Amino acid sequence: MKTRELSAPAVMAVGFRVPTSENTDLRTRDRVAQLLFESGAATAAELGSQLGLSPAAIRKHLDAMLAERLVEVRESRHHGPRGRGRPAKAFVLTAEAREGFPHFYDGIATAALRWIAEHGGPEAVGAFATAQVAPLEERCRAALAEAGDDPIARAEALAKALTAEGYAASSTAIASGGQLCQHHCPVAHVAAEFPQLCDAETAVISRLIGTHVQRLATIAHGDGVCTTHIPGPSRVTDTTATTVRTDK
């Protein structure tokens, strides 16, 4: 198995950090993780050779990463006649460890939406956005089943439902009604170019709350939080006339 040696800038660019109290160990385990990320799997001997570490040293790092569930062991695939002894064990990154590396989903999603816009126009992008948030709407609707009809109470329940979906949402009562704040947006970078995603989400919030809502700020447009205004219940003004007698 061949893996390429990484320069220090390339390793630092990844941004992967294995929890450890030793800076030297941290840098070494960063490099181990990077090599495994690129190669898919590698034996201790292959990793030690790439990093210039002795078998004892590389195993110390691998044992620590195994304990932290950052790597797991698999039997190394062997091509050709197998020699004597036990088959070599290969190390691979766990799914949790892979989350520490950058993803390129935003770029793929943006490219896909550009293609949809080019071939189907803005309406096709809007239809796609609506279809994407439909499952989210159904899950949140189920969570709001016992929230009642009050828009502010429904906003509070919706905030909890959205938090469970990863939006880190909160609801606050204000003089004019309430505010629903989302501190995380999983599609912020894509929505910056395609506001139809925000529009579809706002429409979902409006339907779930049961009243017209207004977006005041969005992460996609550079704001720190997505903020939606929820109007409070209409107040009924007492218009009963009072007759005052003046014929005394």
Protein backbone atom coordinates (compact mmCIF):
# COMPACT_ATOMS: atom_id res chain seq x y z
CA MET A 1 0.00 0.00 0.00
CA LYS A 2 1.39 3.37 -1.01
CA THR A 3 0.68 6.62 0.80
CA ARG A 4 2.30 9.96 0.17
CA GLU A 5 4.28 11.86 2.76
CA LEU A 6 2.49 15.01 3.92
CA SER A 7 4.11 18.36 4.44
CA ALA A 8 3.46 20.19 7.69
CA PRO A 9 1.19 22.82 6.03
CA ALA A 10 -0.90 20.06 4.47
CA VAL A 11 -1.40 18.40 7.83
CA MET A 12 -2.32 21.67 9.55
CA ALA A 13 -4.80 22.54 6.80
CA VAL A 14 -6.90 19.52 7.68
CA GLY A 15 -7.69 20.87 11.11
CA PHE A 16 -8.07 17.41 12.69
CA ARG A 17 -7.32 17.36 16.40
CA VAL A 18 -7.08 14.22 18.51
CA PRO A 19 -7.74 14.92 22.20
CA THR A 20 -4.44 14.57 24.11
CA SER A 21 -2.42 16.53 26.66
CA GLU A 22 0.90 16.24 24.79
CA ASN A 23 1.45 18.62 21.88
CA THR A 24 3.97 16.30 20.28
CA ASP A 25 1.60 13.36 20.52
CA LEU A 26 -1.20 15.52 19.13
CA ARG A 27 0.80 16.42 16.03
CA THR A 28 1.85 12.82 15.49
CA ARG A 29 -1.69 11.52 15.82
CA ASP A 30 -2.87 14.24 13.46
CA ARG A 31 -0.47 12.84 10.88
CA VAL A 32 -1.56 9.26 11.57
CA ALA A 33 -5.19 10.30 11.08
CA GLN A 34 -4.33 12.15 7.87
CA LEU A 35 -2.52 9.16 6.41
CA LEU A 36 -5.42 6.86 7.26
CA PHE A 37 -7.87 9.37 5.82
CA GLU A 38 -6.00 9.38 2.51
CA SER A 39 -5.14 5.69 2.25
CA GLY A 40 -8.27 4.20 3.75
CA ALA A 41 -6.30 1.64 5.75
CA ALA A 42 -2.69 1.01 6.75
CA THR A 43 -0.76 -1.35 8.96
CA ALA A 44 1.30 -0.20 11.91
CA ALA A 45 4.46 -0.96 9.96
CA GLU A 46 3.31 1.16 7.01
CA LEU A 47 2.37 4.07 9.25
CA GLY A 48 5.64 3.84 11.16
CA SER A 49 7.61 3.83 7.93
CA GLN A 50 5.79 6.90 6.62
CA LEU A 51 6.24 8.81 9.87
CA GLY A 52 9.75 7.60 10.70
CA LEU A 53 8.63 6.01 13.97
CA SER A 54 9.74 2.80 15.62
CA PRO A 55 7.20 -0.06 15.94
CA ALA A 56 6.91 0.63 19.68
CA ALA A 57 6.29 4.35 19.15
CA ILE A 58 3.65 3.94 16.44
CA ARG A 59 1.82 1.30 18.47
CA LYS A 60 1.68 3.66 21.45
CA HIS A 61 -0.16 6.21 19.34
CA LEU A 62 -2.43 3.60 17.75
CA ASP A 63 -3.31 2.14 21.15
CA ALA A 64 -4.30 5.61 22.37
CA MET A 65 -6.41 6.23 19.28
CA LEU A 66 -8.06 2.82 19.69
CA ALA A 67 -8.94 3.69 23.29
CA GLU A 68 -10.49 6.98 22.13
CA ARG A 69 -12.42 5.16 19.37
CA LEU A 70 -10.73 7.17 16.65
CA VAL A 71 -9.39 4.10 14.83
CA GLU A 72 -10.45 0.49 14.55
CA VAL A 73 -8.68 -2.66 13.41
CA ARG A 74 -9.39 -4.72 10.33
CA GLU A 75 -7.57 -7.64 8.78
CA SER A 76 -5.19 -6.42 6.11
CA ARG A 77 -6.00 -7.58 2.60
CA HIS A 78 -3.18 -9.64 1.18
CA HIS A 79 -2.55 -10.17 -2.53
CA GLY A 80 -0.39 -13.06 -3.68
CA PRO A 81 1.13 -15.88 -1.61
CA ARG A 82 0.85 -15.28 2.13
CA GLY A 83 3.92 -15.79 4.25
CA ARG A 84 4.13 -17.45 7.60
CA GLY A 85 2.65 -15.96 10.75
CA ARG A 86 -0.55 -14.16 11.52
CA PRO A 87 -2.01 -11.76 8.91
CA ALA A 88 -1.10 -8.12 9.48
CA LYS A 89 -3.75 -5.92 11.04
CA ALA A 90 -4.76 -2.74 9.26
CA PHE A 91 -6.01 0.39 10.98
CA VAL A 92 -8.86 2.53 9.65
CA LEU A 93 -10.52 5.70 10.93
CA THR A 94 -13.85 5.38 12.68
CA ALA A 95 -16.87 7.34 11.44
CA GLU A 96 -16.50 9.65 14.46
CA ALA A 97 -12.89 10.43 13.57
CA ARG A 98 -13.79 11.19 9.96
CA GLU A 99 -16.14 13.92 11.16
CA GLY A 100 -13.05 15.92 12.12
CA PHE A 101 -12.10 16.35 8.48
CA PRO A 102 -13.56 18.96 6.10
CA HIS A 103 -16.49 17.89 3.95
CA PHE A 104 -17.34 19.12 0.50
CA TYR A 105 -21.10 18.58 0.63
CA ASP A 106 -21.80 22.31 0.31
CA GLY A 107 -19.90 22.48 -2.95
CA ILE A 108 -21.74 19.49 -4.39
CA ALA A 109 -25.12 20.83 -3.25
CA THR A 110 -24.42 24.25 -4.75
CA ALA A 111 -23.34 22.71 -8.05
CA ALA A 112 -26.48 20.56 -8.12
CA LEU A 113 -28.74 23.55 -7.51
CA ARG A 114 -26.96 25.54 -10.20
CA TRP A 115 -27.64 22.71 -12.61
CA ILE A 116 -31.31 22.63 -11.57
CA ALA A 117 -31.57 26.42 -11.97
CA GLU A 118 -29.95 26.28 -15.41
CA HIS A 119 -32.21 23.53 -16.72
CA GLY A 120 -35.43 24.18 -14.84
CA GLY A 121 -35.30 27.81 -13.76
CA PRO A 122 -35.94 29.38 -10.33
CA GLU A 123 -39.25 27.55 -10.01
CA ALA A 124 -37.49 24.20 -10.15
CA VAL A 125 -35.10 25.29 -7.40
CA GLY A 126 -38.06 26.36 -5.29
CA ALA A 127 -39.79 23.02 -5.86
CA PHE A 128 -36.62 21.19 -4.87
CA ALA A 129 -36.29 23.28 -1.69
CA THR A 130 -39.91 22.56 -0.76
CA ALA A 131 -39.41 18.84 -1.26
CA GLN A 132 -36.26 18.89 0.87
CA VAL A 133 -37.94 20.43 3.93
CA ALA A 134 -41.10 18.31 3.68
CA PRO A 135 -39.75 15.46 5.89
CA LEU A 136 -38.58 18.02 8.47
CA GLU A 137 -42.05 19.56 8.52
CA GLU A 138 -43.70 16.21 9.16
CA ARG A 139 -41.36 15.35 12.03
CA CYS A 140 -41.86 18.74 13.66
CA ARG A 141 -45.63 18.60 13.15
CA ALA A 142 -45.72 15.37 15.12
CA ALA A 143 -43.73 17.05 17.91
CA LEU A 144 -46.26 19.92 18.02
CA ALA A 145 -49.29 17.65 18.30
CA GLU A 146 -50.02 18.69 21.90
CA ALA A 147 -48.85 22.31 21.69
CA GLY A 148 -52.34 23.81 21.34
CA ASP A 149 -53.32 26.72 19.10
CA ASP A 150 -51.47 29.60 20.74
CA PRO A 151 -48.73 30.74 18.31
CA ILE A 152 -46.24 31.54 21.09
CA ALA A 153 -46.71 28.14 22.71
CA ARG A 154 -46.32 26.47 19.33
CA ALA A 155 -43.16 28.47 18.68
CA GLU A 156 -41.70 27.20 21.96
CA ALA A 157 -42.55 23.61 21.04
CA LEU A 158 -41.14 24.11 17.56
CA ALA A 159 -37.87 25.43 19.00
CA LYS A 160 -37.48 22.19 20.96
CA ALA A 161 -38.27 20.13 17.87
CA LEU A 162 -35.78 22.06 15.74
CA THR A 163 -33.12 21.71 18.42
CA ALA A 164 -33.58 17.95 18.26
CA GLU A 165 -32.99 18.26 14.50
CA GLY A 166 -29.68 20.05 15.07
CA TYR A 167 -30.76 23.69 14.60
CA ALA A 168 -29.95 24.81 18.18
CA ALA A 169 -33.20 26.77 18.31
CA SER A 170 -34.78 28.86 21.04
CA SER A 171 -38.01 30.80 21.50
CA THR A 172 -38.42 34.12 23.31
CA ALA A 173 -41.57 36.07 24.13
CA ILE A 174 -41.46 39.77 23.26
CA ALA A 175 -43.95 42.63 23.44
CA SER A 176 -45.23 42.10 19.91
CA GLY A 177 -45.40 38.30 20.12
CA GLY A 178 -42.36 36.03 20.02
CA GLN A 179 -39.11 35.27 18.26
CA LEU A 180 -37.87 31.92 17.04
CA CYS A 181 -34.06 31.87 16.81
CA GLN A 182 -31.99 29.20 15.07
CA HIS A 183 -28.33 29.35 16.03
CA HIS A 184 -27.23 26.78 13.46
CA CYS A 185 -28.09 26.37 9.78
CA PRO A 186 -26.92 23.20 8.00
CA VAL A 187 -27.31 24.77 4.55
CA ALA A 188 -26.13 28.33 5.24
CA HIS A 189 -23.43 28.41 2.55
CA VAL A 190 -25.77 27.03 -0.10
CA ALA A 191 -28.68 29.25 0.95
CA ALA A 192 -26.47 32.32 0.51
CA GLU A 193 -26.73 31.72 -3.24
CA PHE A 194 -30.15 30.08 -3.30
CA PRO A 195 -32.56 31.94 -0.96
CA GLN A 196 -35.31 29.53 -2.00
CA LEU A 197 -33.99 27.25 0.76
CA CYS A 198 -34.67 29.94 3.37
CA ASP A 199 -38.04 30.71 1.83
CA ALA A 200 -39.10 27.07 2.00
CA GLU A 201 -38.03 26.83 5.64
CA THR A 202 -39.89 30.04 6.53
CA ALA A 203 -43.03 28.65 4.89
CA VAL A 204 -42.69 25.50 7.01
CA ILE A 205 -42.39 27.59 10.20
CA SER A 206 -45.48 29.58 9.21
CA ARG A 207 -47.55 26.45 8.61
CA LEU A 208 -46.39 24.81 11.82
CA ILE A 209 -47.02 27.89 13.95
CA GLY A 210 -50.37 28.46 12.28
CA THR A 211 -49.91 32.12 11.43
CA HIS A 212 -47.96 34.41 9.13
CA VAL A 213 -44.34 34.84 10.28
CA GLN A 214 -41.57 37.16 9.18
CA ARG A 215 -37.88 36.40 8.83
CA LEU A 216 -35.85 39.21 10.39
CA ALA A 217 -32.35 37.78 9.92
CA THR A 218 -30.62 34.73 8.46
CA ILE A 219 -27.21 33.14 8.90
CA ALA A 220 -27.05 32.71 5.13
CA HIS A 221 -27.02 36.50 4.70
CA GLY A 222 -24.29 37.06 7.27
CA ASP A 223 -26.33 37.40 10.44
CA GLY A 224 -25.26 35.47 13.51
CA VAL A 225 -28.67 33.88 14.04
CA CYS A 226 -31.71 33.04 11.92
CA THR A 227 -34.49 35.06 13.58
CA THR A 228 -38.18 34.71 12.81
CA HIS A 229 -40.84 37.00 14.28
CA ILE A 230 -43.99 35.28 15.54
CA PRO A 231 -46.94 37.68 15.94
CA GLY A 232 -48.92 37.30 19.16
CA PRO A 233 -52.66 36.62 19.36
CA SER A 234 -54.86 39.46 18.19
CA ARG A 235 -56.25 41.55 20.99
CA VAL A 236 -59.97 42.37 21.04
CA THR A 237 -60.64 46.03 21.83
CA ASP A 238 -63.71 46.84 23.93
CA THR A 239 -65.79 49.23 21.82
CA THR A 240 -68.90 49.28 24.06
CA ALA A 241 -70.35 52.81 24.03
CA THR A 242 -71.06 54.59 27.29
CA THR A 243 -74.00 57.02 27.44
CA VAL A 244 -73.57 60.08 29.60
CA ARG A 245 -76.73 61.95 30.63
CA THR A 246 -76.53 65.71 30.51
CA ASP A 247 -80.19 66.62 31.11
CA LYS A 248 -80.05 67.26 34.82
